[in-house]
Amino acid sequence: MILPTKNISPDRALLTLAGKVFKTLTYPRTISGVWDEFRAQQEARPVSYAFFILAIDLLFLIKLVSLDDNGLLRRRIGDQ
């Protein structure tokens, strides 16, 4: 589920989806704002909100994103 397998295509693996979410996060935004942009980008192959949240969870686990004091999702690249 995290990585592609013979039953999960590379564009449906959570690691790929997390990368796409991370790419859209160019500035701090609300989760719903990121979801709206991500959903628009995935119109050809829609992704459920549950998988979107799992992708964000993966980004939290590998410490690439965090929530700031205002509840905005932001990249953690360069943070110590």
C-alpha atoms as a PDB file:
ATOM      1  CA  MET A   1       0.000   0.000   0.000  1.00  0.00           C
ATOM      2  CA  ILE A   2       2.845   2.394   0.760  1.00  0.00           C
ATOM      3  CA  LEU A   3       4.961   1.164  -2.135  1.00  0.00           C
ATOM      4  CA  PRO A   4       3.773  -0.102  -5.504  1.00  0.00           C
ATOM      5  CA  THR A   5       3.244  -3.847  -5.811  1.00  0.00           C
ATOM      6  CA  LYS A   6       1.901  -6.097  -8.509  1.00  0.00           C
ATOM      7  CA  ASN A   7      -1.613  -5.236  -7.266  1.00  0.00           C
ATOM      8  CA  ILE A   8      -1.018  -1.510  -6.622  1.00  0.00           C
ATOM      9  CA  SER A   9       0.072   0.618  -9.572  1.00  0.00           C
ATOM     10  CA  PRO A  10       2.818   3.187  -8.979  1.00  0.00           C
ATOM     11  CA  ASP A  11       0.407   6.110  -9.356  1.00  0.00           C
ATOM     12  CA  ARG A  12      -1.834   4.687  -6.578  1.00  0.00           C
ATOM     13  CA  ALA A  13       0.882   3.921  -4.008  1.00  0.00           C
ATOM     14  CA  LEU A  14       0.810   6.135  -0.911  1.00  0.00           C
ATOM     15  CA  LEU A  15       4.427   7.177  -1.421  1.00  0.00           C
ATOM     16  CA  THR A  16       3.564   8.528  -4.873  1.00  0.00           C
ATOM     17  CA  LEU A  17       0.429  10.267  -3.602  1.00  0.00           C
ATOM     18  CA  ALA A  18       2.400  11.760  -0.695  1.00  0.00           C
ATOM     19  CA  GLY A  19       4.957  13.103  -3.161  1.00  0.00           C
ATOM     20  CA  LYS A  20       2.198  14.748  -5.184  1.00  0.00           C
ATOM     21  CA  VAL A  21       0.705  16.290  -2.039  1.00  0.00           C
ATOM     22  CA  PHE A  22       4.139  17.532  -0.970  1.00  0.00           C
ATOM     23  CA  LYS A  23       4.703  19.054  -4.406  1.00  0.00           C
ATOM     24  CA  THR A  24       1.464  21.062  -4.157  1.00  0.00           C
ATOM     25  CA  LEU A  25       2.434  22.398  -0.732  1.00  0.00           C
ATOM     26  CA  THR A  26       4.445  25.395  -1.948  1.00  0.00           C
ATOM     27  CA  TYR A  27       3.284  27.620   0.901  1.00  0.00           C
ATOM     28  CA  PRO A  28       1.483  26.997   4.244  1.00  0.00           C
ATOM     29  CA  ARG A  29      -2.159  26.066   3.642  1.00  0.00           C
ATOM     30  CA  THR A  30      -5.166  24.488   5.246  1.00  0.00           C
ATOM     31  CA  ILE A  31      -5.771  20.785   4.745  1.00  0.00           C
ATOM     32  CA  SER A  32      -8.921  21.578   2.784  1.00  0.00           C
ATOM     33  CA  GLY A  33      -6.995  23.984   0.549  1.00  0.00           C
ATOM     34  CA  VAL A  34      -4.408  21.323  -0.221  1.00  0.00           C
ATOM     35  CA  TRP A  35      -7.206  18.794  -0.825  1.00  0.00           C
ATOM     36  CA  ASP A  36      -8.963  21.102  -3.300  1.00  0.00           C
ATOM     37  CA  GLU A  37      -5.797  21.600  -5.355  1.00  0.00           C
ATOM     38  CA  PHE A  38      -4.791  17.938  -5.143  1.00  0.00           C
ATOM     39  CA  ARG A  39      -8.270  16.799  -6.211  1.00  0.00           C
ATOM     40  CA  ALA A  40      -8.203  19.169  -9.180  1.00  0.00           C
ATOM     41  CA  GLN A  41      -4.832  17.761 -10.266  1.00  0.00           C
ATOM     42  CA  GLN A  42      -6.116  14.195  -9.954  1.00  0.00           C
ATOM     43  CA  GLU A  43      -9.285  14.663 -12.010  1.00  0.00           C
ATOM     44  CA  ALA A  44      -8.236  12.034 -14.549  1.00  0.00           C
ATOM     45  CA  ARG A  45      -7.658   9.439 -11.801  1.00  0.00           C
ATOM     46  CA  PRO A  46      -9.558  10.556  -8.674  1.00  0.00           C
ATOM     47  CA  VAL A  47      -8.239   9.660  -5.238  1.00  0.00           C
ATOM     48  CA  SER A  48     -10.487   9.278  -2.207  1.00  0.00           C
ATOM     49  CA  TYR A  49     -10.202  11.689   0.695  1.00  0.00           C
ATOM     50  CA  ALA A  50      -9.186   8.758   2.913  1.00  0.00           C
ATOM     51  CA  PHE A  51      -6.132   8.024   0.744  1.00  0.00           C
ATOM     52  CA  PHE A  52      -5.315  11.741   0.658  1.00  0.00           C
ATOM     53  CA  ILE A  53      -5.289  11.801   4.471  1.00  0.00           C
ATOM     54  CA  LEU A  54      -3.151   8.637   4.563  1.00  0.00           C
ATOM     55  CA  ALA A  55      -0.682  10.371   2.237  1.00  0.00           C
ATOM     56  CA  ILE A  56      -0.545  13.359   4.605  1.00  0.00           C
ATOM     57  CA  ASP A  57      -0.095  10.965   7.538  1.00  0.00           C
ATOM     58  CA  LEU A  58       2.878   9.444   5.732  1.00  0.00           C
ATOM     59  CA  LEU A  59       4.374  12.911   5.253  1.00  0.00           C
ATOM     60  CA  PHE A  60       3.959  13.532   9.003  1.00  0.00           C
ATOM     61  CA  LEU A  61       5.586  10.190   9.819  1.00  0.00           C
ATOM     62  CA  ILE A  62       8.660  10.934   7.761  1.00  0.00           C
ATOM     63  CA  LYS A  63       8.687  14.490   9.163  1.00  0.00           C
ATOM     64  CA  LEU A  64       8.346  16.356   5.882  1.00  0.00           C
ATOM     65  CA  VAL A  65       5.310  18.378   6.980  1.00  0.00           C
ATOM     66  CA  SER A  66       3.952  19.843  10.188  1.00  0.00           C
ATOM     67  CA  LEU A  67       1.043  21.938  11.396  1.00  0.00           C
ATOM     68  CA  ASP A  68       1.927  25.444  12.509  1.00  0.00           C
ATOM     69  CA  ASP A  69       0.301  27.380  15.359  1.00  0.00           C
ATOM     70  CA  ASN A  70      -2.440  28.586  12.999  1.00  0.00           C
ATOM     71  CA  GLY A  71      -3.344  25.036  11.931  1.00  0.00           C
ATOM     72  CA  LEU A  72      -1.756  25.411   8.507  1.00  0.00           C
ATOM     73  CA  LEU A  73       0.097  22.545   6.880  1.00  0.00           C
ATOM     74  CA  ARG A  74       3.654  23.481   5.982  1.00  0.00           C
ATOM     75  CA  ARG A  75       6.801  21.856   4.657  1.00  0.00           C
ATOM     76  CA  ARG A  76       9.540  21.114   7.178  1.00  0.00           C
ATOM     77  CA  ILE A  77      12.456  21.116   4.761  1.00  0.00           C
ATOM     78  CA  GLY A  78      15.342  23.000   6.336  1.00  0.00           C
ATOM     79  CA  ASP A  79      13.882  22.888   9.874  1.00  0.00           C
ATOM     80  CA  GLN A  80      16.053  21.451  12.610  1.00  0.00           C
END
